[in-house]
C-alpha cells in the first residue's frame, strides 16, 4: 500500500513487470482521505478496481481493511493540535 496522491507511471510499470497483481494508493491530500485499488489486467496495464473515502475491505492478496474516515479524523486531530 502506498500513501501518496499518485503512484508514478514508472513505478506502476515496475510493479507490473514484477507481477504485482494488485496495489492500493492512499491519497492524504483531499479533505477526506481516499483509497484507490488497482488490479493488473490481462493486457498488463492496471485498472481501477475500487475507489473510496469510506471503509475499504479487500481479500486480495490477503484480508486488509482500512478505515479512511478514522484516518481522516486522526489527521484532522493532529493538525488541530499542531495549530494550538
Protein backbone atom coordinates (compact mmCIF):
# COMPACT_ATOMS: atom_id res chain seq x y z
CA UNK A 1 0.00 0.00 0.00
CA UNK A 2 1.33 3.43 -0.94
CA UNK A 3 0.48 6.67 0.85
CA UNK A 4 0.79 9.32 -1.84
CA UNK A 5 -1.52 11.33 -4.07
CA UNK A 6 -0.44 9.21 -7.07
CA UNK A 7 1.92 6.43 -7.97
CA UNK A 8 4.39 7.43 -10.68
CA UNK A 9 3.79 5.67 -14.00
CA UNK A 10 7.31 4.28 -13.91
CA UNK A 11 6.67 2.65 -10.52
CA UNK A 12 3.44 1.08 -11.80
CA UNK A 13 5.41 -0.40 -14.72
CA UNK A 14 7.94 -1.85 -12.27
CA UNK A 15 5.07 -3.38 -10.28
CA UNK A 16 3.54 -4.86 -13.46
CA UNK A 17 6.88 -6.28 -14.60
CA UNK A 18 7.32 -7.90 -11.17
CA UNK A 19 3.84 -9.44 -11.39
CA UNK A 20 2.24 -7.39 -8.61
CA UNK A 21 -1.42 -8.21 -9.21
CA UNK A 22 -2.93 -5.52 -7.01
CA UNK A 23 -1.85 -2.41 -5.14
CA UNK A 24 -3.51 0.46 -3.31
CA UNK A 25 -2.77 4.17 -3.14
CA UNK A 26 -3.99 6.25 -0.18
CA UNK A 27 -4.29 9.95 -1.05
CA UNK A 28 -3.96 12.08 2.09
CA UNK A 29 -4.27 15.41 0.26
CA UNK A 30 -8.07 15.62 -0.05
CA UNK A 31 -10.31 16.89 2.72
CA UNK A 32 -11.31 13.24 3.18
CA UNK A 33 -8.58 10.67 2.58
CA UNK A 34 -9.26 8.40 -0.38
CA UNK A 35 -8.03 4.97 -1.35
CA UNK A 36 -7.79 3.63 -4.88
CA UNK A 37 -7.18 -0.05 -5.54
CA UNK A 38 -5.59 -1.04 -8.85
CA UNK A 39 -5.52 -4.53 -10.34
CA UNK A 40 -3.34 -5.86 -13.14
CA UNK A 41 -5.38 -6.61 -16.26
CA UNK A 42 -4.66 -9.33 -18.81
CA UNK A 43 -3.20 -6.63 -21.09
CA UNK A 44 -0.53 -5.84 -18.50
CA UNK A 45 -1.97 -2.47 -17.51
CA UNK A 46 -3.51 -1.51 -14.19
CA UNK A 47 -7.22 -0.76 -13.91
CA UNK A 48 -9.08 0.89 -11.05
CA UNK A 49 -10.84 -1.85 -9.11
CA UNK A 50 -12.15 0.35 -6.28
CA UNK A 51 -12.08 3.98 -5.15
CA UNK A 52 -13.48 5.08 -1.79
CA UNK A 53 -13.30 7.50 1.10
CA UNK A 54 -15.17 5.06 3.38
CA UNK A 55 -14.19 1.73 4.92
CA UNK A 56 -12.14 -0.29 2.43
CA UNK A 57 -12.01 -4.07 2.75
CA UNK A 58 -10.29 -6.50 0.39
CA UNK A 59 -9.15 -10.11 0.37
CA UNK A 60 -6.52 -9.52 -2.36
CA UNK A 61 -3.78 -10.61 -1.86
CA UNK A 62 -4.78 -11.06 1.80
CA UNK A 63 -7.51 -9.66 4.02
CA UNK A 64 -6.95 -5.95 4.70
CA UNK A 65 -9.27 -3.24 5.95
CA UNK A 66 -8.56 0.49 6.01
CA UNK A 67 -10.88 2.82 7.91
CA UNK A 68 -10.45 6.01 5.89
CA UNK A 69 -12.91 8.10 7.97
CA UNK A 70 -10.90 7.20 11.09
CA UNK A 71 -7.64 8.15 9.36
CA UNK A 72 -9.16 11.43 8.18
CA UNK A 73 -10.36 12.22 11.73
CA UNK A 74 -6.97 11.31 13.18
CA UNK A 75 -5.22 13.60 10.69
CA UNK A 76 -7.64 16.44 11.49
CA UNK A 77 -6.98 15.98 15.22
CA UNK A 78 -3.23 16.06 14.72
CA UNK A 79 -3.42 19.16 12.54
CA UNK A 80 -5.67 20.93 15.06
CA UNK A 81 -3.25 20.09 17.85
CA UNK A 82 -0.35 21.48 15.81
CA UNK A 83 -2.25 24.76 15.29
CA UNK A 84 -2.71 25.31 19.05
